[in-house]
């Protein structure tokens, strides 16, 4: 499989490089979802994607999103495996990012909105006053209460 023979550093750096390559090559999207998708199947003792470990790669991705007007999605589907590193969100905000969305990829009625309160709190604690949703491919901002 993908992780065979790779350290966490090698696997995650390659993953982040592919994300950057894809979003540069295929810019017809509104929001980058699942920046931490790799954690779902990672065989490492601590599979979390930490900003401090991959800051150069993550910064490149965040800067591209900001420069091109794309948003960043907080997807809750990996939360039961590992918590999302709020430092990624804080850095996105610090660099000038404004568009944060939230999604659950529920794949079933029982999981719709699962872990939303925890993620809304994370978004708020990272300095954002709004979450966004899209209408006709344009962000609509909703105040976090």
Foldseek 3Di string as FASTA:
>chain_A
DQCPPHDLLRSLLVLLVVVLVVCVVDVPDAEDEPNPVVLQPDPDPASADECVSVVVSLVSVLLVCQVVNHHYEDECQCVVVDNHHLVSLLVSVVSPHAEYAYAHVQVDDVGGCPCVVVVLVSNVVSPHQWYWDDDPSDTDTDGDD
